[in-house]
Amino acid sequence: MVTKALQKVPFFKGLTSREINQVLAIAGQQQYRAGAMVFAKQDLGNNFFIVKSGRIKIFTTVGSEKKKTFAFLKKGDFFGEMSLLGGKVRSASAQAVDDSELFVISKKNFKRLILENPDFTLKLLHTLVERLNKCNMEIESMLFHNILGRLAEAVLELSKDKRTKPVKMSIDQTELAQYLGTTRVPVCRAINTLKRSGVIDYRRGELVILNQARLQSIAGNTK
């Protein structure tokens, strides 16, 4: 049952049952309550993680107050590979947003997987390239887009897997500010501008997209 369920997860899609069972055979499982830290920036990296259920936030802290959220990871996403592949310590922190369960693979077994399973390695590299492209797009956005465009991009990115009509997601303004790498005040102003324009609605931590095409236009995405 677990193997069939994992074959539907993007990261495992294409792997055979035998290959998935190889991963499961060397993976432990660990549960984290909402708000619990999986690891902190600068911790020694000894494990690779795959999200079995829940949601994990990857972020960094600058000084005592400034935070930048890089991603919210869901079922099937992985993290923790950077310190295992190159660095010795974690380059960012990981925290459970919701109650979460993770597959945990040790550094030794992770290296074995890379050497012995080319499909696993290719999927790992493919995802790393996607993340690098996303980082490049974020840098470009910070350089050339105003806060309104950046907020529109963030809303589209964070809601891309939502299936409700209209699209809804739960996120507070502080989380949005950290995702954009800015403070709460400009994000609040940008949200109010989009609300007045009828592009979104936002009440009590729930954001609703009312005009998807207009939001894409503001984000500079006319595809």
Protein backbone atom coordinates (compact mmCIF):
# COMPACT_ATOMS: atom_id res chain seq x y z
CA MET A 1 0.00 0.00 0.00
CA VAL A 2 2.78 2.41 0.91
CA THR A 3 4.66 1.61 -2.31
CA LYS A 4 1.59 2.23 -4.50
CA ALA A 5 0.88 5.49 -2.68
CA LEU A 6 4.46 6.69 -3.17
CA GLN A 7 4.36 5.92 -6.91
CA LYS A 8 1.75 8.70 -7.20
CA VAL A 9 4.09 11.21 -5.54
CA PRO A 10 6.02 13.30 -8.13
CA PHE A 11 9.45 12.59 -6.64
CA PHE A 12 8.89 8.80 -6.80
CA LYS A 13 6.98 8.74 -10.08
CA GLY A 14 8.75 6.55 -12.62
CA LEU A 15 10.60 4.50 -10.00
CA THR A 16 9.73 0.81 -9.95
CA SER A 17 8.22 -0.87 -6.90
CA ARG A 18 11.59 -2.51 -6.26
CA GLU A 19 13.39 0.84 -6.35
CA ILE A 20 10.85 2.44 -4.01
CA ASN A 21 11.17 -0.50 -1.65
CA GLN A 22 14.94 0.02 -1.67
CA VAL A 23 14.36 3.59 -0.48
CA LEU A 24 11.85 2.50 2.17
CA ALA A 25 14.18 -0.24 3.42
CA ILE A 26 16.82 2.31 4.45
CA ALA A 27 14.46 5.09 5.55
CA GLY A 28 13.27 5.66 9.07
CA GLN A 29 10.16 7.68 9.86
CA GLN A 30 9.88 10.60 12.24
CA GLN A 31 6.95 12.76 13.33
CA TYR A 32 7.04 16.49 14.09
CA ARG A 33 4.33 18.56 15.72
CA ALA A 34 3.35 21.86 14.10
CA GLY A 35 5.98 24.46 15.01
CA ALA A 36 8.72 21.93 15.81
CA MET A 37 12.16 22.46 14.27
CA VAL A 38 13.50 19.67 12.06
CA PHE A 39 16.93 21.31 12.04
CA ALA A 40 18.43 24.80 12.35
CA LYS A 41 20.82 26.70 10.13
CA GLN A 42 24.44 25.80 10.86
CA ASP A 43 23.51 22.41 12.36
CA LEU A 44 25.62 19.50 11.14
CA GLY A 45 23.85 17.72 8.27
CA ASN A 46 23.48 14.01 8.89
CA ASN A 47 20.12 13.15 7.27
CA PHE A 48 18.12 13.53 4.07
CA PHE A 49 14.35 13.99 4.42
CA ILE A 50 11.29 13.25 2.27
CA VAL A 51 7.91 14.63 3.34
CA LYS A 52 5.45 11.79 3.88
CA SER A 53 2.65 14.07 5.14
CA GLY A 54 2.19 17.61 6.43
CA ARG A 55 4.07 20.77 5.43
CA ILE A 56 7.65 21.93 6.07
CA LYS A 57 8.96 25.49 5.86
CA ILE A 58 12.54 26.11 4.69
CA PHE A 59 13.84 29.49 5.82
CA THR A 60 16.84 31.50 6.95
CA THR A 61 17.24 34.15 9.64
CA VAL A 62 19.39 37.27 9.36
CA GLY A 63 20.10 38.85 12.73
CA SER A 64 17.49 38.42 15.42
CA GLU A 65 14.38 39.46 13.49
CA LYS A 66 14.69 39.26 9.71
CA LYS A 67 13.53 36.03 8.08
CA LYS A 68 13.38 34.83 4.48
CA THR A 69 11.22 31.84 3.59
CA PHE A 70 12.52 29.87 0.61
CA ALA A 71 9.79 27.26 0.27
CA PHE A 72 6.86 25.42 1.78
CA LEU A 73 7.36 21.72 1.11
CA LYS A 74 4.52 19.21 0.91
CA LYS A 75 4.04 15.46 0.48
CA GLY A 76 6.71 13.99 -1.80
CA ASP A 77 9.10 16.95 -1.58
CA PHE A 78 12.61 16.40 -0.22
CA PHE A 79 15.11 18.56 1.64
CA GLY A 80 18.39 18.39 3.54
CA GLU A 81 20.48 17.29 0.56
CA MET A 82 22.74 20.37 0.31
CA SER A 83 24.83 19.72 3.41
CA LEU A 84 25.14 16.04 2.43
CA LEU A 85 26.30 16.79 -1.13
CA GLY A 86 28.72 19.63 -0.48
CA GLY A 87 28.63 21.53 2.78
CA LYS A 88 29.03 20.18 6.27
CA VAL A 89 26.39 22.33 7.95
CA ARG A 90 22.81 23.27 7.11
CA SER A 91 22.49 26.36 4.91
CA ALA A 92 18.92 27.03 6.11
CA SER A 93 16.46 25.97 8.80
CA ALA A 94 13.52 23.56 8.46
CA GLN A 95 10.36 23.75 10.56
CA ALA A 96 7.07 21.85 10.56
CA VAL A 97 4.20 24.19 9.67
CA ASP A 98 1.58 21.49 10.25
CA ASP A 99 1.82 18.16 12.07
CA SER A 100 4.17 16.29 9.74
CA GLU A 101 5.71 12.88 9.17
CA LEU A 102 9.03 12.51 7.35
CA PHE A 103 11.03 9.71 5.80
CA VAL A 104 14.58 10.06 7.18
CA ILE A 105 17.62 8.66 5.34
CA SER A 106 21.08 8.75 6.90
CA LYS A 107 24.04 10.37 5.16
CA LYS A 108 25.66 6.98 4.53
CA ASN A 109 22.51 5.48 2.98
CA PHE A 110 21.86 8.66 0.98
CA LYS A 111 25.28 8.38 -0.67
CA ARG A 112 24.61 4.72 -1.40
CA LEU A 113 21.31 5.60 -3.07
CA ILE A 114 23.05 8.13 -5.32
CA LEU A 115 25.74 5.64 -6.36
CA GLU A 116 23.47 2.63 -6.86
CA ASN A 117 20.23 4.12 -8.20
CA PRO A 118 20.62 6.32 -11.32
CA ASP A 119 16.87 7.09 -11.52
CA PHE A 120 16.90 8.43 -7.97
CA THR A 121 19.99 10.53 -8.77
CA LEU A 122 18.43 11.95 -11.95
CA LYS A 123 15.27 12.93 -10.10
CA LEU A 124 17.39 14.55 -7.41
CA LEU A 125 19.35 16.56 -9.99
CA HIS A 126 16.17 17.53 -11.86
CA THR A 127 14.62 18.94 -8.69
CA LEU A 128 17.83 20.79 -7.77
CA VAL A 129 17.85 22.45 -11.20
CA GLU A 130 14.20 23.49 -10.73
CA ARG A 131 15.03 25.03 -7.37
CA LEU A 132 18.03 26.88 -8.82
CA ASN A 133 15.84 28.30 -11.60
CA LYS A 134 13.30 29.39 -8.99
CA CYS A 135 16.04 31.19 -7.03
CA ASN A 136 17.20 32.94 -10.21
CA MET A 137 13.63 34.07 -10.92
CA GLU A 138 13.29 35.40 -7.36
CA ILE A 139 16.49 37.42 -7.70
CA GLU A 140 15.28 38.83 -11.02
CA SER A 141 11.92 39.67 -9.45
CA MET A 142 13.56 41.48 -6.53
CA LEU A 143 15.69 43.51 -8.93
CA PHE A 144 13.07 44.45 -11.51
CA HIS A 145 9.57 44.08 -9.99
CA ASN A 146 7.80 46.26 -7.48
CA ILE A 147 6.21 44.82 -4.35
CA LEU A 148 2.84 44.42 -6.10
CA GLY A 149 4.34 42.26 -8.84
CA ARG A 150 6.35 40.24 -6.36
CA LEU A 151 3.29 39.62 -4.21
CA ALA A 152 1.28 38.50 -7.26
CA GLU A 153 4.08 36.08 -8.21
CA ALA A 154 4.21 34.71 -4.67
CA VAL A 155 0.45 34.17 -4.49
CA LEU A 156 0.48 32.31 -7.82
CA GLU A 157 3.43 30.16 -6.75
CA LEU A 158 2.03 29.28 -3.32
CA SER A 159 -1.43 28.49 -4.68
CA LYS A 160 -0.44 26.52 -7.79
CA ASP A 161 -1.45 23.15 -6.30
CA LYS A 162 -4.80 24.33 -4.96
CA ARG A 163 -7.84 22.77 -6.65
CA THR A 164 -10.69 24.85 -5.19
CA LYS A 165 -12.74 27.24 -7.30
CA PRO A 166 -12.09 30.04 -6.56
CA VAL A 167 -8.55 29.28 -5.43
CA LYS A 168 -8.15 29.70 -1.67
CA MET A 169 -5.20 29.36 0.69
CA SER A 170 -4.49 30.01 4.34
CA ILE A 171 -1.47 32.25 4.96
CA ASP A 172 -0.92 35.23 7.22
CA GLN A 173 0.75 38.50 6.23
CA THR A 174 3.88 37.75 8.25
CA GLU A 175 4.39 34.50 6.33
CA LEU A 176 3.91 36.31 3.03
CA ALA A 177 6.41 39.00 4.07
CA GLN A 178 8.99 36.36 5.01
CA TYR A 179 8.41 34.55 1.71
CA LEU A 180 9.07 37.82 -0.13
CA GLY A 181 12.03 38.72 2.06
CA THR A 182 10.50 42.00 3.19
CA THR A 183 8.51 43.40 6.11
CA ARG A 184 4.80 43.16 6.91
CA VAL A 185 3.91 46.82 6.21
CA PRO A 186 4.56 46.89 2.41
CA VAL A 187 2.91 43.48 2.04
CA CYS A 188 -0.19 44.76 3.87
CA ARG A 189 -0.35 47.77 1.52
CA ALA A 190 0.05 45.54 -1.55
CA ILE A 191 -2.70 43.18 -0.34
CA ASN A 192 -5.06 46.12 0.17
CA THR A 193 -4.27 47.39 -3.35
CA LEU A 194 -5.12 43.99 -4.86
CA LYS A 195 -8.29 43.82 -2.75
CA ARG A 196 -9.47 47.27 -3.90
CA SER A 197 -8.83 46.22 -7.51
CA GLY A 198 -10.98 43.10 -7.08
CA VAL A 199 -8.05 40.78 -7.84
CA ILE A 200 -8.05 39.01 -4.47
CA ASP A 201 -9.95 38.92 -1.21
CA TYR A 202 -8.15 38.53 2.10
CA ARG A 203 -9.80 38.03 5.46
CA ARG A 204 -8.60 36.47 8.72
CA GLY A 205 -5.59 34.77 7.17
CA GLU A 206 -7.44 33.35 4.15
CA LEU A 207 -6.53 34.63 0.68
CA VAL A 208 -8.94 34.08 -2.22
CA ILE A 209 -7.98 34.68 -5.86
CA LEU A 210 -10.90 36.44 -7.56
CA ASN A 211 -9.27 37.30 -10.89
CA GLN A 212 -6.55 34.82 -11.92
CA ALA A 213 -5.84 36.46 -15.30
CA ARG A 214 -5.38 39.89 -13.75
CA LEU A 215 -3.10 38.45 -11.07
CA GLN A 216 -0.96 36.78 -13.76
CA SER A 217 -0.78 40.07 -15.64
CA ILE A 218 0.41 41.92 -12.54
CA ALA A 219 3.00 39.20 -11.97
CA GLY A 220 4.23 39.65 -15.55
CA ASN A 221 3.04 36.19 -16.58
CA THR A 222 0.75 36.35 -19.59
CA LYS A 223 1.06 32.67 -20.52
